């Protein structure tokens, strides 16, 4: 048998086996249709807290800090404000992202926007804030934080911060006389000693 006969015989054998497997597959019962997948928007969880990490390149110090949504936290010369923070359920592949605005306080005390966009916790280098001195990136989105919520600090204000009454009844009852620059006015709170005791 020549080489070409072997190849053509092998090709015919391969073609025949392919035809048989195709016929067998067509004859098998069709599997049940998979359930329709939920839309991508319904799977995500909206979180009230975004956790960031930042590095001070001068000192080499890395710090982790929590920021509530729509609140601003200052890290060095940067002000970080997350607008939303989404994560996925534990049963799905982790995808954590946050829309963040980062401003820089310049040396002349002006605020300049240096970053607006999405940050991804699974790919911190993709959209991290890179600054000459500070870098900031998203670590995760959380449902709660050890840091008190901004509303809780306002509600827990002390009574010393409460507005004081304008005047007492005793002071409100006696109007203060208008002072003239030449005449010495008596103090209305001190009683006059004109009862005639000599």
Protein backbone atom coordinates (compact mmCIF):
# COMPACT_ATOMS: atom_id res chain seq x y z
CA UNK A 1 0.00 0.00 0.00
CA UNK A 2 1.34 3.36 -0.89
CA UNK A 3 1.52 6.37 1.38
CA UNK A 4 -1.32 8.13 -0.43
CA UNK A 5 -3.59 5.13 -0.08
CA UNK A 6 -3.01 5.12 3.69
CA UNK A 7 -3.87 8.83 3.94
CA UNK A 8 -6.99 8.48 1.86
CA UNK A 9 -8.05 5.39 3.82
CA UNK A 10 -7.42 7.24 7.10
CA UNK A 11 -9.35 10.25 5.83
CA UNK A 12 -12.27 8.05 4.84
CA UNK A 13 -12.21 6.40 8.25
CA UNK A 14 -12.19 9.79 9.96
CA UNK A 15 -15.03 11.06 7.80
CA UNK A 16 -17.09 7.96 8.51
CA UNK A 17 -16.59 8.22 12.28
CA UNK A 18 -17.50 11.91 12.18
CA UNK A 19 -20.71 11.13 10.30
CA UNK A 20 -21.66 8.43 12.82
CA UNK A 21 -21.05 10.69 15.83
CA UNK A 22 -23.06 13.50 14.22
CA UNK A 23 -25.97 11.14 13.61
CA UNK A 24 -25.76 9.88 17.21
CA UNK A 25 -25.75 13.44 18.56
CA UNK A 26 -28.77 14.37 16.43
CA UNK A 27 -30.67 11.35 17.70
CA UNK A 28 -30.01 12.14 21.38
CA UNK A 29 -32.73 13.97 23.31
CA UNK A 30 -32.28 17.73 23.54
CA UNK A 31 -31.24 19.02 26.94
CA UNK A 32 -33.58 21.29 28.84
CA UNK A 33 -33.18 24.94 27.98
CA UNK A 34 -31.23 26.83 30.63
CA UNK A 35 -33.09 29.37 32.72
CA UNK A 36 -32.76 32.89 31.33
CA UNK A 37 -29.96 34.76 33.01
CA UNK A 38 -30.91 37.74 35.11
CA UNK A 39 -29.82 41.08 33.84
CA UNK A 40 -26.42 42.24 34.98
CA UNK A 41 -27.87 45.27 36.75
CA UNK A 42 -30.06 43.20 39.09
CA UNK A 43 -27.19 41.10 40.44
CA UNK A 44 -25.22 43.94 41.93
CA UNK A 45 -25.49 45.07 45.53
CA UNK A 46 -25.44 48.76 46.37
CA UNK A 47 -23.24 49.42 49.39
CA UNK A 48 -23.17 52.50 51.68
CA UNK A 49 -19.42 52.33 52.40
CA UNK A 50 -16.37 52.21 50.13
CA UNK A 51 -13.03 51.10 51.55
CA UNK A 52 -9.94 52.64 50.00
CA UNK A 53 -6.22 52.17 50.45
CA UNK A 54 -3.75 54.96 49.99
CA UNK A 55 0.00 55.26 49.98
CA UNK A 56 2.13 58.23 50.93
CA UNK A 57 5.13 57.84 48.63
CA UNK A 58 7.35 60.04 50.79
CA UNK A 59 6.93 58.11 54.06
CA UNK A 60 6.01 54.77 52.45
CA UNK A 61 3.00 54.52 54.76
CA UNK A 62 -0.05 52.64 53.46
CA UNK A 63 -3.36 53.47 55.11
CA UNK A 64 -6.83 51.95 54.73
CA UNK A 65 -9.85 54.20 55.24
CA UNK A 66 -13.63 53.92 54.91
CA UNK A 67 -15.73 56.56 53.19
CA UNK A 68 -19.53 56.73 53.17
CA UNK A 69 -21.21 57.34 49.81
CA UNK A 70 -21.43 61.07 48.91
CA UNK A 71 -19.13 61.99 51.80
CA UNK A 72 -15.63 63.40 51.40
CA UNK A 73 -12.56 62.18 53.29
CA UNK A 74 -9.19 63.84 53.05
CA UNK A 75 -6.10 61.71 52.55
CA UNK A 76 -3.02 63.92 52.55
CA UNK A 77 -3.66 66.60 49.93
CA UNK A 78 -6.38 64.52 48.26
CA UNK A 79 -10.12 64.60 48.92
CA UNK A 80 -11.85 61.32 48.04
CA UNK A 81 -15.63 61.23 47.39
CA UNK A 82 -17.30 57.98 46.29
CA UNK A 83 -20.66 58.42 44.55
CA UNK A 84 -21.70 54.72 44.32
CA UNK A 85 -20.13 51.43 45.36
CA UNK A 86 -21.34 48.14 43.84
CA UNK A 87 -20.44 44.56 44.64
CA UNK A 88 -21.78 41.10 43.70
CA UNK A 89 -23.33 38.37 45.86
CA UNK A 90 -21.00 35.84 47.49
CA UNK A 91 -22.15 33.13 45.04
CA UNK A 92 -20.90 35.04 41.98
CA UNK A 93 -17.53 36.05 40.67
CA UNK A 94 -16.33 39.08 42.64
CA UNK A 95 -16.78 42.34 40.81
CA UNK A 96 -16.46 45.41 42.98
CA UNK A 97 -16.55 48.86 41.47
CA UNK A 98 -17.10 52.42 42.61
CA UNK A 99 -17.55 55.74 40.87
CA UNK A 100 -15.16 58.12 42.59
CA UNK A 101 -14.20 61.78 42.43
CA UNK A 102 -10.79 62.84 43.72
CA UNK A 103 -9.75 66.45 44.22
CA UNK A 104 -6.33 67.83 45.07
CA UNK A 105 -5.79 70.75 47.42
CA UNK A 106 -2.99 72.74 45.80
CA UNK A 107 -0.36 74.77 47.64
CA UNK A 108 -2.29 77.98 46.96
CA UNK A 109 -5.39 76.45 48.70
CA UNK A 110 -7.35 75.84 45.51
CA UNK A 111 -9.22 72.61 44.85
CA UNK A 112 -8.46 70.94 41.53
CA UNK A 113 -10.20 67.79 40.22
CA UNK A 114 -7.59 65.19 39.30
CA UNK A 115 -9.75 62.08 38.87
CA UNK A 116 -13.36 61.25 38.02
CA UNK A 117 -14.23 57.71 37.04
CA UNK A 118 -14.74 54.08 37.96
CA UNK A 119 -12.33 52.18 40.18
CA UNK A 120 -12.25 48.38 40.23
CA UNK A 121 -11.12 46.48 43.33
CA UNK A 122 -10.13 43.40 41.31
CA UNK A 123 -7.91 45.52 39.03
CA UNK A 124 -6.48 48.26 41.25
CA UNK A 125 -3.92 49.36 38.68
CA UNK A 126 -6.55 49.89 35.99
CA UNK A 127 -7.98 53.15 37.32
CA UNK A 128 -5.99 54.04 40.41
CA UNK A 129 -5.39 57.67 41.27
CA UNK A 130 -1.76 58.41 40.63
CA UNK A 131 -0.40 61.59 42.18
CA UNK A 132 3.15 62.83 42.68
CA UNK A 133 2.95 62.11 46.42
CA UNK A 134 -0.20 59.99 46.99
CA UNK A 135 -1.84 57.01 45.31
CA UNK A 136 -5.40 55.90 46.15
CA UNK A 137 -7.27 52.76 45.03
CA UNK A 138 -10.50 50.93 45.86
CA UNK A 139 -10.24 47.86 48.10
CA UNK A 140 -13.87 46.82 48.61
CA UNK A 141 -17.46 47.91 49.13
CA UNK A 142 -19.04 47.23 52.52
CA UNK A 143 -22.47 47.32 54.14
CA UNK A 144 -21.18 48.75 57.44
CA UNK A 145 -18.10 50.34 58.91
CA UNK A 146 -16.47 50.94 62.29
CA UNK A 147 -16.43 54.64 61.41
CA UNK A 148 -19.66 56.31 62.61
CA UNK A 149 -22.00 57.41 59.86
CA UNK A 150 -22.05 61.15 59.12
CA UNK A 151 -25.73 61.37 60.17
CA UNK A 152 -24.95 59.77 63.53
CA UNK A 153 -22.39 62.44 64.39
CA UNK A 154 -24.89 65.20 63.62
CA UNK A 155 -27.64 63.53 65.65
CA UNK A 156 -25.33 62.99 68.61
CA UNK A 157 -24.57 66.68 69.06
CA UNK A 158 -24.40 67.80 72.69
CA UNK A 159 -26.73 70.24 74.40
CA UNK A 160 -23.95 72.81 74.37
CA UNK A 161 -24.42 73.00 70.61
CA UNK A 162 -28.16 73.69 71.00
CA UNK A 163 -29.28 77.27 70.36
CA UNK A 164 -29.45 79.41 73.49
CA UNK A 165 -32.58 81.46 74.35
CA UNK A 166 -32.39 85.06 73.20
CA UNK A 167 -33.23 86.75 76.51
CA UNK A 168 -34.65 85.96 79.93
CA UNK A 169 -37.98 87.34 81.18
CA UNK A 170 -36.36 89.72 83.66
CA UNK A 171 -34.12 91.28 81.05
CA UNK A 172 -36.90 91.34 78.47
CA UNK A 173 -39.29 93.24 80.80
CA UNK A 174 -37.09 96.32 81.31
CA UNK A 175 -35.88 98.04 78.19
CA UNK A 176 -32.39 99.47 78.43
CA UNK A 177 -32.37 103.27 78.14
CA UNK A 178 -30.48 104.80 75.28
CA UNK A 179 -27.12 106.07 76.40
CA UNK A 180 -26.01 109.56 75.60
CA UNK A 181 -22.30 110.23 75.52
CA UNK A 182 -22.38 113.20 77.96
CA UNK A 183 -24.67 111.88 80.68
CA UNK A 184 -23.80 109.06 83.05
CA UNK A 185 -26.68 106.60 82.89
CA UNK A 186 -27.67 104.64 86.01
CA UNK A 187 -27.58 100.90 85.84
CA UNK A 188 -31.21 99.68 85.61
CA UNK A 189 -30.43 96.50 87.53
CA UNK A 190 -29.26 98.45 90.65
CA UNK A 191 -32.17 99.95 92.63
CA UNK A 192 -32.09 103.69 93.23
CA UNK A 193 -31.46 104.72 96.83
CA UNK A 194 -34.04 107.52 96.84
CA UNK A 195 -36.28 106.23 99.62
CA UNK A 196 -35.31 109.09 101.92
CA UNK A 197 -33.03 107.40 104.37
CA UNK A 198 -30.71 110.09 105.79
